[in-house]
Amino acid sequence: MTTAQAFADALAVSPYAGFLGVEAVSGSSDRAMMRFSPPLVGNPLLPALHGGSVAGFMELTATAALTAATQGTQGRPKPVDVSVAYLRSARPADTHARAHIRKVGRRIAYVHVLAWQEDEATPVAEMTAHFLLADLDSTNS
């Protein structure tokens, strides 16, 4: 299985990705898109997407990229710590994200994700996260 297919499959099996309208960009193993829908709006006066939907979208993108990169051999990655910087209001429009896997160790992986709407050079948010790849109890047996 290609990493692009593994990335798409990891998103397709997630009910949360389905709720948010997240799908893999065709042929990519690190890029996803969240289609706009009215329930994702957090502030209807601006209007702007809810920060939680943007953060959830970026975490899903990182998780799917790690799953694809490891071909699922480590199980489903579990977030250990996540930090999101909101750089500007995310308008009610389709949003894109790209995961950059910085390091994959034996147990922990470090991932950086950028989210943007029209231009990747002007992101709406960025995320840095560490993920647990293997269950520590099973590696100590």
N, C-alpha and C. Protein backbone atom coordinates (compact mmCIF):
# COMPACT_ATOMS: atom_id res chain seq x y z
N MET A 1 0.85 -1.17 0.00
CA MET A 1 0.00 0.00 0.00
C MET A 1 0.90 1.24 0.00
N THR A 2 0.56 2.21 -0.81
CA THR A 2 1.33 3.45 -0.86
C THR A 2 1.04 4.30 0.38
N THR A 3 1.95 5.22 0.69
CA THR A 3 1.72 6.09 1.83
C THR A 3 0.53 7.02 1.57
N ALA A 4 0.31 7.41 0.33
CA ALA A 4 -0.84 8.25 0.00
C ALA A 4 -2.15 7.50 0.28
N GLN A 5 -2.20 6.23 -0.07
CA GLN A 5 -3.40 5.43 0.19
C GLN A 5 -3.59 5.20 1.68
N ALA A 6 -2.48 4.95 2.40
CA ALA A 6 -2.57 4.75 3.86
C ALA A 6 -3.05 6.03 4.54
N PHE A 7 -2.61 7.19 4.05
CA PHE A 7 -3.04 8.48 4.59
C PHE A 7 -4.54 8.66 4.38
N ALA A 8 -5.00 8.41 3.16
CA ALA A 8 -6.43 8.53 2.84
C ALA A 8 -7.26 7.55 3.66
N ASP A 9 -6.78 6.33 3.82
CA ASP A 9 -7.51 5.32 4.60
C ASP A 9 -7.61 5.72 6.07
N ALA A 10 -6.52 6.28 6.62
CA ALA A 10 -6.52 6.69 8.03
C ALA A 10 -7.57 7.78 8.27
N LEU A 11 -7.76 8.67 7.32
CA LEU A 11 -8.80 9.70 7.46
C LEU A 11 -10.19 9.11 7.23
N ALA A 12 -10.31 8.20 6.28
CA ALA A 12 -11.62 7.65 5.92
C ALA A 12 -12.25 6.85 7.06
N VAL A 13 -11.44 6.23 7.91
CA VAL A 13 -12.00 5.40 8.98
C VAL A 13 -12.33 6.19 10.24
N SER A 14 -12.00 7.47 10.27
CA SER A 14 -12.24 8.29 11.46
C SER A 14 -13.62 8.94 11.42
N PRO A 15 -14.50 8.63 12.38
CA PRO A 15 -15.81 9.27 12.42
C PRO A 15 -15.70 10.79 12.61
N TYR A 16 -14.71 11.22 13.39
CA TYR A 16 -14.52 12.66 13.62
C TYR A 16 -14.13 13.36 12.32
N ALA A 17 -13.28 12.72 11.52
CA ALA A 17 -12.92 13.29 10.21
C ALA A 17 -14.16 13.40 9.34
N GLY A 18 -15.03 12.42 9.41
CA GLY A 18 -16.28 12.49 8.65
C GLY A 18 -17.17 13.63 9.10
N PHE A 19 -17.26 13.84 10.42
CA PHE A 19 -18.07 14.93 10.95
C PHE A 19 -17.53 16.29 10.51
N LEU A 20 -16.19 16.44 10.56
CA LEU A 20 -15.58 17.71 10.18
C LEU A 20 -15.52 17.92 8.66
N GLY A 21 -15.72 16.87 7.89
CA GLY A 21 -15.62 16.98 6.44
C GLY A 21 -14.19 16.97 5.95
N VAL A 22 -13.34 16.20 6.64
CA VAL A 22 -11.92 16.12 6.30
C VAL A 22 -11.68 15.00 5.31
N GLU A 23 -10.91 15.29 4.29
CA GLU A 23 -10.56 14.28 3.29
C GLU A 23 -9.12 14.50 2.84
N ALA A 24 -8.50 13.44 2.39
CA ALA A 24 -7.13 13.52 1.89
C ALA A 24 -7.13 14.20 0.53
N VAL A 25 -6.08 14.96 0.27
CA VAL A 25 -5.89 15.53 -1.05
C VAL A 25 -5.34 14.41 -1.93
N SER A 26 -5.92 14.22 -3.08
CA SER A 26 -5.57 13.11 -3.96
C SER A 26 -4.06 13.01 -4.21
N GLY A 27 -3.52 11.81 -3.96
CA GLY A 27 -2.12 11.53 -4.24
C GLY A 27 -1.15 12.04 -3.19
N SER A 28 -1.64 12.63 -2.10
CA SER A 28 -0.76 13.19 -1.08
C SER A 28 -0.74 12.30 0.15
N SER A 29 0.42 12.23 0.80
CA SER A 29 0.53 11.45 2.03
C SER A 29 0.68 12.36 3.25
N ASP A 30 0.48 13.68 3.05
CA ASP A 30 0.65 14.60 4.18
C ASP A 30 -0.29 15.81 4.13
N ARG A 31 -1.19 15.84 3.16
CA ARG A 31 -2.04 17.02 2.98
C ARG A 31 -3.52 16.63 2.97
N ALA A 32 -4.32 17.40 3.73
CA ALA A 32 -5.75 17.13 3.82
C ALA A 32 -6.52 18.44 3.64
N MET A 33 -7.83 18.30 3.42
CA MET A 33 -8.70 19.46 3.26
C MET A 33 -9.93 19.25 4.12
N MET A 34 -10.36 20.32 4.79
CA MET A 34 -11.60 20.31 5.56
C MET A 34 -12.59 21.19 4.80
N ARG A 35 -13.62 20.55 4.28
CA ARG A 35 -14.64 21.28 3.53
C ARG A 35 -15.47 22.12 4.50
N PHE A 36 -15.79 23.33 4.09
CA PHE A 36 -16.59 24.20 4.94
C PHE A 36 -18.02 23.68 5.06
N SER A 37 -18.55 23.77 6.27
CA SER A 37 -19.97 23.55 6.51
C SER A 37 -20.38 24.47 7.66
N PRO A 38 -21.62 24.97 7.66
CA PRO A 38 -22.06 25.94 8.68
C PRO A 38 -21.88 25.51 10.13
N PRO A 39 -22.01 24.22 10.50
CA PRO A 39 -21.80 23.86 11.90
C PRO A 39 -20.37 24.11 12.41
N LEU A 40 -19.40 24.31 11.51
CA LEU A 40 -18.02 24.55 11.92
C LEU A 40 -17.77 26.00 12.35
N VAL A 41 -18.74 26.88 12.12
CA VAL A 41 -18.58 28.29 12.48
C VAL A 41 -18.70 28.44 13.99
N GLY A 42 -17.70 29.10 14.59
CA GLY A 42 -17.73 29.33 16.02
C GLY A 42 -18.27 30.70 16.37
N ASN A 43 -17.95 31.69 15.55
CA ASN A 43 -18.42 33.05 15.78
C ASN A 43 -19.16 33.52 14.55
N PRO A 44 -20.51 33.51 14.58
CA PRO A 44 -21.27 33.90 13.40
C PRO A 44 -21.22 35.40 13.12
N LEU A 45 -20.77 36.20 14.08
CA LEU A 45 -20.70 37.64 13.86
C LEU A 45 -19.53 38.02 12.95
N LEU A 46 -18.43 37.26 13.00
CA LEU A 46 -17.27 37.59 12.16
C LEU A 46 -17.51 37.27 10.68
N PRO A 47 -17.92 36.20 10.24
CA PRO A 47 -17.97 34.84 10.78
C PRO A 47 -16.59 34.19 10.70
N ALA A 48 -16.34 33.28 11.62
CA ALA A 48 -15.06 32.57 11.66
C ALA A 48 -15.27 31.13 12.10
N LEU A 49 -14.41 30.25 11.61
CA LEU A 49 -14.47 28.84 12.02
C LEU A 49 -14.11 28.73 13.50
N HIS A 50 -14.70 27.77 14.18
CA HIS A 50 -14.39 27.51 15.58
C HIS A 50 -12.95 27.01 15.68
N GLY A 51 -12.21 27.52 16.65
CA GLY A 51 -10.83 27.10 16.83
C GLY A 51 -10.68 25.62 17.09
N GLY A 52 -11.66 25.02 17.75
CA GLY A 52 -11.61 23.59 18.01
C GLY A 52 -11.71 22.76 16.74
N SER A 53 -12.49 23.23 15.79
CA SER A 53 -12.58 22.48 14.53
C SER A 53 -11.27 22.58 13.75
N VAL A 54 -10.62 23.75 13.80
CA VAL A 54 -9.33 23.91 13.12
C VAL A 54 -8.27 23.05 13.81
N ALA A 55 -8.23 23.07 15.14
CA ALA A 55 -7.26 22.26 15.88
C ALA A 55 -7.50 20.77 15.66
N GLY A 56 -8.76 20.35 15.70
CA GLY A 56 -9.09 18.94 15.46
C GLY A 56 -8.68 18.50 14.08
N PHE A 57 -8.90 19.37 13.10
CA PHE A 57 -8.51 19.10 11.72
C PHE A 57 -7.00 18.91 11.61
N MET A 58 -6.24 19.77 12.26
CA MET A 58 -4.78 19.65 12.20
C MET A 58 -4.30 18.39 12.92
N GLU A 59 -4.91 18.05 14.05
CA GLU A 59 -4.53 16.83 14.75
C GLU A 59 -4.85 15.58 13.92
N LEU A 60 -5.99 15.58 13.25
CA LEU A 60 -6.34 14.46 12.37
C LEU A 60 -5.32 14.33 11.23
N THR A 61 -4.90 15.46 10.67
CA THR A 61 -3.92 15.44 9.58
C THR A 61 -2.59 14.86 10.07
N ALA A 62 -2.15 15.28 11.26
CA ALA A 62 -0.90 14.76 11.82
C ALA A 62 -1.00 13.26 12.10
N THR A 63 -2.10 12.84 12.69
CA THR A 63 -2.30 11.43 13.02
C THR A 63 -2.30 10.56 11.76
N ALA A 64 -3.00 11.03 10.73
CA ALA A 64 -3.06 10.27 9.47
C ALA A 64 -1.70 10.21 8.80
N ALA A 65 -0.94 11.30 8.85
CA ALA A 65 0.40 11.31 8.25
C ALA A 65 1.33 10.34 8.97
N LEU A 66 1.26 10.30 10.30
CA LEU A 66 2.08 9.35 11.06
C LEU A 66 1.67 7.91 10.80
N THR A 67 0.36 7.68 10.74
CA THR A 67 -0.13 6.34 10.44
C THR A 67 0.38 5.89 9.07
N ALA A 68 0.34 6.79 8.10
CA ALA A 68 0.81 6.46 6.75
C ALA A 68 2.32 6.23 6.73
N ALA A 69 3.06 7.07 7.43
CA ALA A 69 4.52 6.96 7.43
C ALA A 69 5.00 5.67 8.09
N THR A 70 4.29 5.23 9.11
CA THR A 70 4.68 4.00 9.80
C THR A 70 3.91 2.78 9.27
N GLN A 71 3.02 3.02 8.30
CA GLN A 71 2.18 1.97 7.72
C GLN A 71 1.42 1.21 8.80
N GLY A 72 1.07 1.90 9.88
CA GLY A 72 0.26 1.30 10.93
C GLY A 72 0.99 0.30 11.80
N THR A 73 2.31 0.14 11.61
CA THR A 73 3.05 -0.86 12.39
C THR A 73 3.14 -0.49 13.86
N GLN A 74 2.98 0.77 14.19
CA GLN A 74 3.05 1.23 15.58
C GLN A 74 1.67 1.36 16.20
N GLY A 75 0.62 0.98 15.51
CA GLY A 75 -0.74 1.21 16.00
C GLY A 75 -1.14 2.65 15.73
N ARG A 76 -2.27 3.06 16.27
CA ARG A 76 -2.74 4.43 16.06
C ARG A 76 -1.97 5.38 16.98
N PRO A 77 -1.34 6.42 16.43
CA PRO A 77 -0.61 7.37 17.27
C PRO A 77 -1.54 8.07 18.26
N LYS A 78 -1.04 8.29 19.48
CA LYS A 78 -1.82 8.95 20.52
C LYS A 78 -1.14 10.27 20.87
N PRO A 79 -1.89 11.37 20.85
CA PRO A 79 -1.27 12.66 21.16
C PRO A 79 -0.81 12.72 22.62
N VAL A 80 0.42 13.20 22.82
CA VAL A 80 0.98 13.37 24.16
C VAL A 80 0.85 14.84 24.56
N ASP A 81 1.29 15.73 23.68
CA ASP A 81 1.08 17.15 23.91
C ASP A 81 0.88 17.84 22.56
N VAL A 82 -0.02 18.81 22.58
CA VAL A 82 -0.39 19.53 21.36
C VAL A 82 -0.40 21.02 21.67
N SER A 83 0.22 21.79 20.81
CA SER A 83 0.22 23.24 20.97
C SER A 83 -0.24 23.86 19.65
N VAL A 84 -1.27 24.69 19.72
CA VAL A 84 -1.81 25.32 18.53
C VAL A 84 -1.65 26.83 18.64
N ALA A 85 -1.13 27.44 17.59
CA ALA A 85 -1.03 28.89 17.50
C ALA A 85 -2.02 29.35 16.43
N TYR A 86 -2.99 30.15 16.85
CA TYR A 86 -3.97 30.70 15.91
C TYR A 86 -3.40 32.02 15.38
N LEU A 87 -3.14 32.08 14.09
CA LEU A 87 -2.45 33.21 13.50
C LEU A 87 -3.38 34.27 12.93
N ARG A 88 -4.56 33.87 12.50
CA ARG A 88 -5.58 34.80 12.00
C ARG A 88 -6.91 34.07 11.98
N SER A 89 -7.99 34.81 11.86
CA SER A 89 -9.32 34.19 11.82
C SER A 89 -9.45 33.31 10.58
N ALA A 90 -9.98 32.13 10.78
CA ALA A 90 -10.25 31.23 9.66
C ALA A 90 -11.66 31.54 9.17
N ARG A 91 -11.74 32.04 7.97
CA ARG A 91 -13.03 32.41 7.39
C ARG A 91 -13.88 31.16 7.10
N PRO A 92 -15.16 31.34 6.85
CA PRO A 92 -16.01 30.19 6.48
C PRO A 92 -15.71 29.76 5.05
N ALA A 93 -14.66 28.99 4.89
CA ALA A 93 -14.21 28.51 3.58
C ALA A 93 -13.48 27.19 3.78
N ASP A 94 -13.21 26.49 2.70
CA ASP A 94 -12.43 25.26 2.78
C ASP A 94 -11.06 25.59 3.37
N THR A 95 -10.56 24.67 4.20
CA THR A 95 -9.27 24.87 4.86
C THR A 95 -8.37 23.69 4.53
N HIS A 96 -7.10 23.97 4.31
CA HIS A 96 -6.12 22.95 3.95
C HIS A 96 -5.10 22.82 5.07
N ALA A 97 -4.47 21.65 5.18
CA ALA A 97 -3.41 21.44 6.16
C ALA A 97 -2.38 20.49 5.59
N ARG A 98 -1.14 20.73 6.00
CA ARG A 98 -0.04 19.84 5.60
C ARG A 98 0.75 19.48 6.86
N ALA A 99 0.98 18.19 7.05
CA ALA A 99 1.75 17.70 8.19
C ALA A 99 3.20 17.50 7.77
N HIS A 100 4.10 18.03 8.58
CA HIS A 100 5.53 17.84 8.38
C HIS A 100 6.03 16.99 9.55
N ILE A 101 6.36 15.75 9.27
CA ILE A 101 6.87 14.86 10.32
C ILE A 101 8.34 15.22 10.51
N ARG A 102 8.65 15.76 11.67
CA ARG A 102 10.02 16.21 11.95
C ARG A 102 10.90 15.06 12.45
N LYS A 103 10.35 14.18 13.27
CA LYS A 103 11.13 13.06 13.80
C LYS A 103 10.20 11.93 14.21
N VAL A 104 10.59 10.72 13.85
CA VAL A 104 9.89 9.52 14.30
C VAL A 104 10.91 8.67 15.04
N GLY A 105 10.72 8.56 16.35
CA GLY A 105 11.60 7.73 17.16
C GLY A 105 10.98 6.38 17.40
N ARG A 106 11.54 5.64 18.36
CA ARG A 106 10.99 4.31 18.67
C ARG A 106 9.63 4.43 19.33
N ARG A 107 9.44 5.47 20.16
CA ARG A 107 8.19 5.60 20.91
C ARG A 107 7.46 6.92 20.67
N ILE A 108 8.20 7.97 20.35
CA ILE A 108 7.61 9.30 20.23
C ILE A 108 7.90 9.87 18.85
N ALA A 109 6.91 10.58 18.31
CA ALA A 109 7.09 11.29 17.04
C ALA A 109 6.76 12.75 17.25
N TYR A 110 7.44 13.62 16.50
CA TYR A 110 7.24 15.06 16.57
C TYR A 110 6.74 15.52 15.20
N VAL A 111 5.60 16.24 15.21
CA VAL A 111 4.96 16.65 13.95
C VAL A 111 4.61 18.13 14.02
N HIS A 112 4.78 18.82 12.91
CA HIS A 112 4.39 20.22 12.76
C HIS A 112 3.34 20.27 11.65
N VAL A 113 2.25 21.01 11.88
CA VAL A 113 1.17 21.11 10.88
C VAL A 113 0.86 22.58 10.63
N LEU A 114 0.72 22.94 9.37
CA LEU A 114 0.26 24.27 8.97
C LEU A 114 -1.13 24.14 8.37
N ALA A 115 -2.01 25.09 8.71
CA ALA A 115 -3.36 25.14 8.13
C ALA A 115 -3.53 26.49 7.46
N TRP A 116 -4.09 26.48 6.27
CA TRP A 116 -4.31 27.71 5.51
C TRP A 116 -5.60 27.59 4.72
N GLN A 117 -6.01 28.71 4.13
CA GLN A 117 -7.23 28.67 3.33
C GLN A 117 -6.95 28.93 1.86
N GLU A 118 -6.49 30.07 1.49
CA GLU A 118 -6.25 30.33 0.06
C GLU A 118 -4.79 30.20 -0.32
N ASP A 119 -3.89 30.61 0.58
CA ASP A 119 -2.47 30.65 0.26
C ASP A 119 -1.67 30.00 1.39
N GLU A 120 -0.91 28.99 1.08
CA GLU A 120 -0.12 28.29 2.09
C GLU A 120 0.88 29.22 2.78
N ALA A 121 1.27 30.30 2.11
CA ALA A 121 2.22 31.25 2.68
C ALA A 121 1.59 32.12 3.78
N THR A 122 0.25 32.11 3.88
CA THR A 122 -0.44 32.87 4.93
C THR A 122 -1.33 31.92 5.74
N PRO A 123 -0.71 31.14 6.63
CA PRO A 123 -1.49 30.17 7.40
C PRO A 123 -2.44 30.82 8.39
N VAL A 124 -3.53 30.11 8.70
CA VAL A 124 -4.47 30.58 9.71
C VAL A 124 -4.09 30.02 11.09
N ALA A 125 -3.38 28.89 11.11
CA ALA A 125 -2.95 28.29 12.37
C ALA A 125 -1.79 27.34 12.11
N GLU A 126 -1.04 27.08 13.17
CA GLU A 126 0.00 26.06 13.11
C GLU A 126 -0.03 25.26 14.39
N MET A 127 0.40 24.01 14.29
CA MET A 127 0.36 23.11 15.43
C MET A 127 1.69 22.38 15.54
N THR A 128 2.16 22.21 16.76
CA THR A 128 3.28 21.31 17.02
C THR A 128 2.76 20.26 18.00
N ALA A 129 3.15 19.03 17.78
CA ALA A 129 2.63 17.96 18.63
C ALA A 129 3.62 16.81 18.74
N HIS A 130 3.56 16.15 19.89
CA HIS A 130 4.29 14.90 20.11
C HIS A 130 3.24 13.80 20.22
N PHE A 131 3.53 12.67 19.60
CA PHE A 131 2.62 11.54 19.61
C PHE A 131 3.34 10.31 20.15
N LEU A 132 2.61 9.54 20.96
CA LEU A 132 3.09 8.26 21.43
C LEU A 132 2.81 7.25 20.32
N LEU A 133 3.86 6.57 19.85
CA LEU A 133 3.69 5.62 18.75
C LEU A 133 3.41 4.21 19.23
N ALA A 134 4.04 3.81 20.32
CA ALA A 134 3.88 2.44 20.82
C ALA A 134 3.43 2.50 22.27
N ASP A 135 2.62 1.55 22.65
CA ASP A 135 2.20 1.46 24.03
C ASP A 135 3.41 1.11 24.88
N LEU A 136 3.74 1.99 25.84
CA LEU A 136 4.94 1.77 26.66
C LEU A 136 4.88 0.49 27.46
N ASP A 137 3.68 0.07 27.89
CA ASP A 137 3.55 -1.18 28.65
C ASP A 137 3.92 -2.38 27.81
N SER A 138 3.55 -2.36 26.53
CA SER A 138 3.83 -3.52 25.69
C SER A 138 5.31 -3.61 25.30
N THR A 139 6.03 -2.48 25.35
CA THR A 139 7.44 -2.52 24.99
C THR A 139 8.33 -2.93 26.16
N ASN A 140 7.79 -2.89 27.37
CA ASN A 140 8.55 -3.28 28.54
C ASN A 140 8.38 -4.75 28.90
N SER A 141 7.54 -5.48 28.17
CA SER A 141 7.30 -6.89 28.52
C SER A 141 8.39 -7.77 28.00
